[in-house]
Each structure stands twice: as C-alpha cells, then as structure tokens.
C-alpha cells in the first residue's frame, strides 16, 4: 500500500493464524516479510526468480494472471529466494504462499 508517497507493508490474515503466530512468538512483520503470497486466486503466468537468487525490495518475483490481467508480485524486502512453492501454469488460491525468502 502506498500512502502519501510512502510504501507501507501490511498483511490481512485470519485471526486464528495471527493468534497461533503470537503464541509461537513470531512477530507478524517478520513472518509477513519471509513469504510472498497470492493476493487473489489466479494462474501463475511466469516465475521471474530462482532459488538462491538475491532480490531487492520491490523486485518482480512472480507474475499471476487474475481476471485476464497480469499482476507482477514484488519482493517484500531485500534477501535471498529460499524456495519457490509453485510452478508456471499452476492455479493458486488467495493467500497461498508462492515464494519464501531468507
């Protein structure tokens, strides 16, 4: 989300998941920045990175096609791609983890 020219990272999640994370002692911001999730159901059109690749904050990672539009999902922070959990052509659900980062 951008507000007055500033990028603000936010995450909407189910209350149950948030409670479990708090009980486990994991801070929400840390967890949110370790994964890239689908914003809506769609189809993975293209994967722009590979495991072990260094990425910069805002760099394109995955292109998801939803409602006949292609949306480039960007890295939430600088880091290294740990795992790609989807393949090109795969259908994804809202909030599904697509990529994890270290």
C-alpha atoms as a PDB file:
ATOM      1  CA  UNK A   1       0.000   0.000   0.000  1.00  0.00           C
ATOM      2  CA  UNK A   2       1.278   3.473  -0.801  1.00  0.00           C
ATOM      3  CA  UNK A   3       0.252   6.423   1.360  1.00  0.00           C
ATOM      4  CA  UNK A   4       1.437   9.932   0.502  1.00  0.00           C
ATOM      5  CA  UNK A   5       4.387   8.535  -1.432  1.00  0.00           C
ATOM      6  CA  UNK A   6       5.465   6.096   1.289  1.00  0.00           C
ATOM      7  CA  UNK A   7       5.312   2.339   0.878  1.00  0.00           C
ATOM      8  CA  UNK A   8       3.622   0.625   3.811  1.00  0.00           C
ATOM      9  CA  UNK A   9       3.744  -3.151   4.040  1.00  0.00           C
ATOM     10  CA  UNK A  10       0.585  -4.594   5.511  1.00  0.00           C
ATOM     11  CA  UNK A  11      -0.959  -8.000   5.730  1.00  0.00           C
ATOM     12  CA  UNK A  12      -4.507  -9.158   6.292  1.00  0.00           C
ATOM     13  CA  UNK A  13      -4.832 -12.612   7.772  1.00  0.00           C
ATOM     14  CA  UNK A  14      -7.236 -14.839   9.603  1.00  0.00           C
ATOM     15  CA  UNK A  15      -7.408 -14.223  13.339  1.00  0.00           C
ATOM     16  CA  UNK A  16      -6.664 -17.885  14.068  1.00  0.00           C
ATOM     17  CA  UNK A  17      -3.359 -17.705  12.167  1.00  0.00           C
ATOM     18  CA  UNK A  18      -2.413 -14.472  13.923  1.00  0.00           C
ATOM     19  CA  UNK A  19      -3.104 -15.991  17.363  1.00  0.00           C
ATOM     20  CA  UNK A  20      -1.043 -19.071  16.581  1.00  0.00           C
ATOM     21  CA  UNK A  21       1.850 -16.897  15.419  1.00  0.00           C
ATOM     22  CA  UNK A  22       1.689 -14.813  18.606  1.00  0.00           C
ATOM     23  CA  UNK A  23       1.683 -17.973  20.722  1.00  0.00           C
ATOM     24  CA  UNK A  24       4.687 -19.246  18.793  1.00  0.00           C
ATOM     25  CA  UNK A  25       6.484 -15.958  19.494  1.00  0.00           C
ATOM     26  CA  UNK A  26       6.897 -14.974  15.865  1.00  0.00           C
ATOM     27  CA  UNK A  27       6.492 -11.285  15.121  1.00  0.00           C
ATOM     28  CA  UNK A  28       3.917 -10.564  12.436  1.00  0.00           C
ATOM     29  CA  UNK A  29       6.205  -8.256  10.431  1.00  0.00           C
ATOM     30  CA  UNK A  30       8.969 -10.862  10.328  1.00  0.00           C
ATOM     31  CA  UNK A  31       6.608 -13.565   9.120  1.00  0.00           C
ATOM     32  CA  UNK A  32       4.968 -11.295   6.541  1.00  0.00           C
ATOM     33  CA  UNK A  33       8.325 -10.440   5.002  1.00  0.00           C
ATOM     34  CA  UNK A  34       9.535 -14.044   4.776  1.00  0.00           C
ATOM     35  CA  UNK A  35       6.882 -15.026   2.231  1.00  0.00           C
ATOM     36  CA  UNK A  36       5.220 -13.799  -0.932  1.00  0.00           C
ATOM     37  CA  UNK A  37       1.542 -14.731  -1.096  1.00  0.00           C
ATOM     38  CA  UNK A  38      -1.080 -14.592  -3.809  1.00  0.00           C
ATOM     39  CA  UNK A  39      -3.295 -11.529  -3.400  1.00  0.00           C
ATOM     40  CA  UNK A  40      -6.218 -13.251  -5.150  1.00  0.00           C
ATOM     41  CA  UNK A  41      -6.956 -16.545  -6.913  1.00  0.00           C
ATOM     42  CA  UNK A  42      -5.292 -16.838 -10.291  1.00  0.00           C
ATOM     43  CA  UNK A  43      -2.829 -18.652 -12.520  1.00  0.00           C
ATOM     44  CA  UNK A  44       0.973 -18.410 -12.257  1.00  0.00           C
ATOM     45  CA  UNK A  45       1.941 -16.913 -15.622  1.00  0.00           C
ATOM     46  CA  UNK A  46       5.695 -16.550 -15.043  1.00  0.00           C
ATOM     47  CA  UNK A  47       8.294 -17.052 -12.330  1.00  0.00           C
ATOM     48  CA  UNK A  48      10.946 -14.337 -12.518  1.00  0.00           C
ATOM     49  CA  UNK A  49      13.444 -15.672  -9.928  1.00  0.00           C
ATOM     50  CA  UNK A  50      15.139 -18.922  -8.928  1.00  0.00           C
ATOM     51  CA  UNK A  51      16.113 -20.433  -5.559  1.00  0.00           C
ATOM     52  CA  UNK A  52      19.287 -18.910  -4.160  1.00  0.00           C
ATOM     53  CA  UNK A  53      18.872 -15.713  -6.165  1.00  0.00           C
ATOM     54  CA  UNK A  54      19.389 -12.401  -4.376  1.00  0.00           C
ATOM     55  CA  UNK A  55      16.453  -9.998  -4.730  1.00  0.00           C
ATOM     56  CA  UNK A  56      15.955  -6.356  -3.872  1.00  0.00           C
ATOM     57  CA  UNK A  57      12.857  -4.941  -2.208  1.00  0.00           C
ATOM     58  CA  UNK A  58      10.258  -4.249  -4.892  1.00  0.00           C
ATOM     59  CA  UNK A  59      11.863  -6.542  -7.500  1.00  0.00           C
ATOM     60  CA  UNK A  60       9.424  -8.611  -9.565  1.00  0.00           C
ATOM     61  CA  UNK A  61       9.237 -12.221  -8.360  1.00  0.00           C
ATOM     62  CA  UNK A  62       6.115 -13.886  -9.809  1.00  0.00           C
ATOM     63  CA  UNK A  63       3.521 -12.862 -12.398  1.00  0.00           C
ATOM     64  CA  UNK A  64      -0.002 -14.041 -11.556  1.00  0.00           C
ATOM     65  CA  UNK A  65      -2.843 -13.771 -14.055  1.00  0.00           C
ATOM     66  CA  UNK A  66      -6.198 -12.983 -12.465  1.00  0.00           C
ATOM     67  CA  UNK A  67      -9.362 -11.754 -14.186  1.00  0.00           C
ATOM     68  CA  UNK A  68      -7.493 -11.573 -17.541  1.00  0.00           C
ATOM     69  CA  UNK A  69      -4.884  -9.187 -16.088  1.00  0.00           C
ATOM     70  CA  UNK A  70      -1.262  -9.989 -15.318  1.00  0.00           C
ATOM     71  CA  UNK A  71      -0.073  -8.805 -11.908  1.00  0.00           C
ATOM     72  CA  UNK A  72       3.628  -8.736 -11.067  1.00  0.00           C
ATOM     73  CA  UNK A  73       4.117  -9.594  -7.406  1.00  0.00           C
ATOM     74  CA  UNK A  74       7.191  -7.963  -5.910  1.00  0.00           C
ATOM     75  CA  UNK A  75       9.674  -8.946  -3.210  1.00  0.00           C
ATOM     76  CA  UNK A  76       8.585  -7.566   0.187  1.00  0.00           C
ATOM     77  CA  UNK A  77      12.196  -6.997   1.246  1.00  0.00           C
ATOM     78  CA  UNK A  78      15.792  -7.499   0.189  1.00  0.00           C
ATOM     79  CA  UNK A  79      17.009 -11.061   0.650  1.00  0.00           C
ATOM     80  CA  UNK A  80      17.573 -14.459  -0.907  1.00  0.00           C
ATOM     81  CA  UNK A  81      14.927 -16.661  -2.509  1.00  0.00           C
ATOM     82  CA  UNK A  82      14.729 -19.761  -0.307  1.00  0.00           C
ATOM     83  CA  UNK A  83      12.003 -21.780  -2.014  1.00  0.00           C
ATOM     84  CA  UNK A  84       9.572 -21.443  -4.908  1.00  0.00           C
ATOM     85  CA  UNK A  85       6.401 -23.321  -3.985  1.00  0.00           C
ATOM     86  CA  UNK A  86       4.554 -23.028  -7.314  1.00  0.00           C
ATOM     87  CA  UNK A  87       5.124 -23.791 -10.991  1.00  0.00           C
ATOM     88  CA  UNK A  88       4.242 -21.812 -14.099  1.00  0.00           C
ATOM     89  CA  UNK A  89       0.711 -22.654 -15.202  1.00  0.00           C
ATOM     90  CA  UNK A  90      -0.374 -23.663 -11.691  1.00  0.00           C
ATOM     91  CA  UNK A  91      -3.639 -22.352 -10.256  1.00  0.00           C
ATOM     92  CA  UNK A  92      -3.233 -20.578  -6.897  1.00  0.00           C
ATOM     93  CA  UNK A  93      -5.653 -19.542  -4.173  1.00  0.00           C
ATOM     94  CA  UNK A  94      -5.828 -16.268  -2.263  1.00  0.00           C
ATOM     95  CA  UNK A  95      -3.162 -16.121   0.493  1.00  0.00           C
ATOM     96  CA  UNK A  96      -1.315 -19.180  -0.862  1.00  0.00           C
ATOM     97  CA  UNK A  97       2.430 -18.894  -0.240  1.00  0.00           C
ATOM     98  CA  UNK A  98       4.212 -18.675  -3.584  1.00  0.00           C
ATOM     99  CA  UNK A  99       7.817 -17.935  -2.577  1.00  0.00           C
ATOM    100  CA  UNK A 100       9.771 -17.932   0.699  1.00  0.00           C
ATOM    101  CA  UNK A 101      12.789 -15.740   1.491  1.00  0.00           C
ATOM    102  CA  UNK A 102      15.767 -15.905   3.853  1.00  0.00           C
END
